[in-house]
Amino acid sequence: MVVLHPLSDFIDCNAATAGLSPHYYYEGRCPQTGEILRLARTPLVEAIARGLMQFLAGNESYSCEGKMYGVLLVELPAGEQRVLKAFSGLLNGQSLVEGWVPPIPGRDHVALEEAGTLAELEVIKQQLITLKQLPQRQQYELLCREFDRQLQEMNDSHRDCKQHRQQERQRLSEMLTGETLTDALEQLDEESRRQGIERRIFKRQRDEALQPLKQQIEQADMQMRELKQQRKALSRKLQAQMHAAYSLTNFSGQSLSLQQLMPGGLMPTGTGDCCAPKLLHYAATQGLKPLAMAEFWWGSASVSQDKIQGEYYGACAERCQPLMGFLLSGLGRGGEKEKFTFDHRLTSSCTEIPIIYEDEWLIAVNKPAGLLSVPGRYLNSQDSVLSRLRHLLPDGMTLAAVHRLDQETSGILLLARDLDTYRQLSRQFQHRQVDKVYEAILSGVVPVEQGLIDLPLWGDPENRPYQKVDQARGKPSLTRFQVMAREGGYTRVEFVPVTGRTHQLRVHAADARGLGMPILGDRLYGCDAVASRLHLHAREISFGHPQSGQTLHLQANTPF
C-alpha cells in the first residue's frame, strides 16, 4: 500500500513557502529528560494541507462527515522529502484506506472482542431506538393535547359563567331583599359548585385515561436508563482492551501501550486514533524524520461549533497532547529548555509566545494565531496562552488574562500578575480607557477610505460563537476604520474598535451594512478565498500602567 507521497501531489514545488516562520508548534515534555520537544507547523506544510483540502473538496465521499485530517512532511534516509496523510477515527467506516497512514497496531489484537462488543452495542442501540419510538409516547402526547384543549374550553366557559354570576349577584342585591335574595344567591352558588365538581370529574377521568400510558412510558424510560448503563459499561470495557493493546513507538525506538503512557488516567474514546499519533508513530516505525506537521478540520462543523472546515488546529488537549512528549522523544529538543530567572520572569523561548513587555505587575505577549487566549470549556480546548504561561510559573503565582483575542487572531494580549492589577486594567477596559488598533486584510476591495461602523451585535445562544447584527436585541458596537492600501483585489485596513464585542471586527467587516468584505481567512463569516490563517492582528494597545500611572504604548509587527 502506497503511503508516502511526493510533494508534487499536493503543491507546486516551485512555490516560495520555505524559510517563513512557523505558525504553530506541536510540543510535549520528554518523559525521560523533562525537555520541551517541538514539531513546527510551517507555511510549507500548510500549503501541503491546502492541497489535501482541494482533493477532499473534489471528492464527495469526504464532504459530509466532519473530522480531523493531518499531513506530516518527512525526510527519507537518502534526504528526499515525502508527505504522509492521515485521518482521525474511521474514513467511510474503514480504518485502513489505500494511500493513508494505517491505524496504530493493536486493534487487530482485540478484533474478536471488538466485533462481539460492537454487535452487543448495536443491539442496545436498536432497543433504545424502539423504546424511544414507543407508540404510547405519541398516544400520550395526543391525548394530553386533547384533554388540555377540552379543559381550556371548560375553563373559558366557566370563567364566562362566573363573570355572569357576579353581575347577577349585583343586580339581585339591588332588586331583592330577605329570603328571596338569599334563595336567589344560593342558586348562583349551587351553579358555581356544580361547575367545580364538573372540572374535578373531568380531571379525574383525564388522569385515569392517561395513567396506563404514563406507566408504560415510565417503564420504557427505566429500561432505557438501564440499557444506557449497559452501553457505557461495554464501551469502557472495549476501550480498556484497546488501550492495553494499542502500542505507540517514538523516535528513540521505545514502544509503550496507551495504558502505560496514561496510567490511571481518564482516556477519552478515540485516544490513539487521532491524526498526530498515527502520523508520528508511522514515521518512527519506518525510520522517517519528521520536518513539519499540520492538522485541519474538514466536513460539517463539530457539534460544539468549535471546529470549522478548512481551519488549522493544534493537538487536542485530552487525546493527543498527553502523548506528544513521548511521541516526539528521540527527535531532539527543537527549542530551548524551560528555565526561570531569579525573579520568575518568563522568556518567549520557553513558550513560543513572544513576550513584548513584562514587569512585576503585568505581561504583554504577542499571541500567535491558532492559539486560544484562555482555556476553553471542553477538555480538548485547554491549550492556551494563559495555560502555557501558568505552566511555567511556580505554584501559587497569580496570572490572569485581562481581555481576550479570538483563537485565530494574533497580536497583543495583556495578562495581570496580581489581583489588584487585574482589577485596575479590567476597569480601564470597561470604561473604554484602553486604545486598541488592529490591522486586517479584507477579501475584497473597499470603495471608501474611512468611516465609522455602528451595528449592534447579538450572539444567538443556539448558534455559538456566531454573532450577527440585530437592531432589536444587539448590544451597541462601534468600529472606526481607515484603508491603508489596496492591492491584488484585497484591502489592507486599520480598525480601531470603540467597543469590544465578541467578533466585532469580523462581523463589521463581513456584514453588508458594514464593509461587506469578510476578513481574509474568515470562513465563519463567509470568506471563500483559501488562506493560511485569519488575517486579523491586534497591532497596538495604549493604557495607563496600573501602578506607575504612565501611559504604555505597545506595538507588535503585523505578520502578514
Foldseek 3Di string as FASTA:
>chain_A
DDFWAALVLQDDVVDPFPPADFQDWQWAAAPPPRFIATFTAGSSQLSSVVSVVVVLVVDVQNAADKWKKKKFWWADPVGHITIGIATFDARVNHQDDPHHQHAFPQCVVCVVVVVVLVVVLVVLVVLLVCLVVPVLVVVLVVLVVVLVVVLVVLVVVLVVLVVVLVVVLVVLVVPDDDPVNVVVNVVSVVVNVVSVVVSVVSVVVSCVVNVVSVVSSVVSVVVNVVSVVVNVVSVVVVVVSRQQRGWAAALVRDIDGNCVLQPPDDADPRQRRHHPRSVLRVCNVVVIGTRHMWMAMHYDADPVNPHDHQATAHFFQRRGSSCRSRRHPNNDRNFDGADADPVRDHDCRQPVWHWQDDDQWKTKTWFRARAWQAADDDRRRHGHPVVSSVVNGPPPWDKAWLDTDPNQETEITMITRDDLQSVVSNVCQVVLVKKWKKKFKWQADQPDFWDKQWFFKDADPSDPPDIAGDPPPGDTWMKIKGWDDDDDGMTMMMIITSHDDVCRVQHLCCDPSHRVTGTPACVVRPHPDNDSTRGMYGAWMWHQRSPPRDIDIDGDDRSD
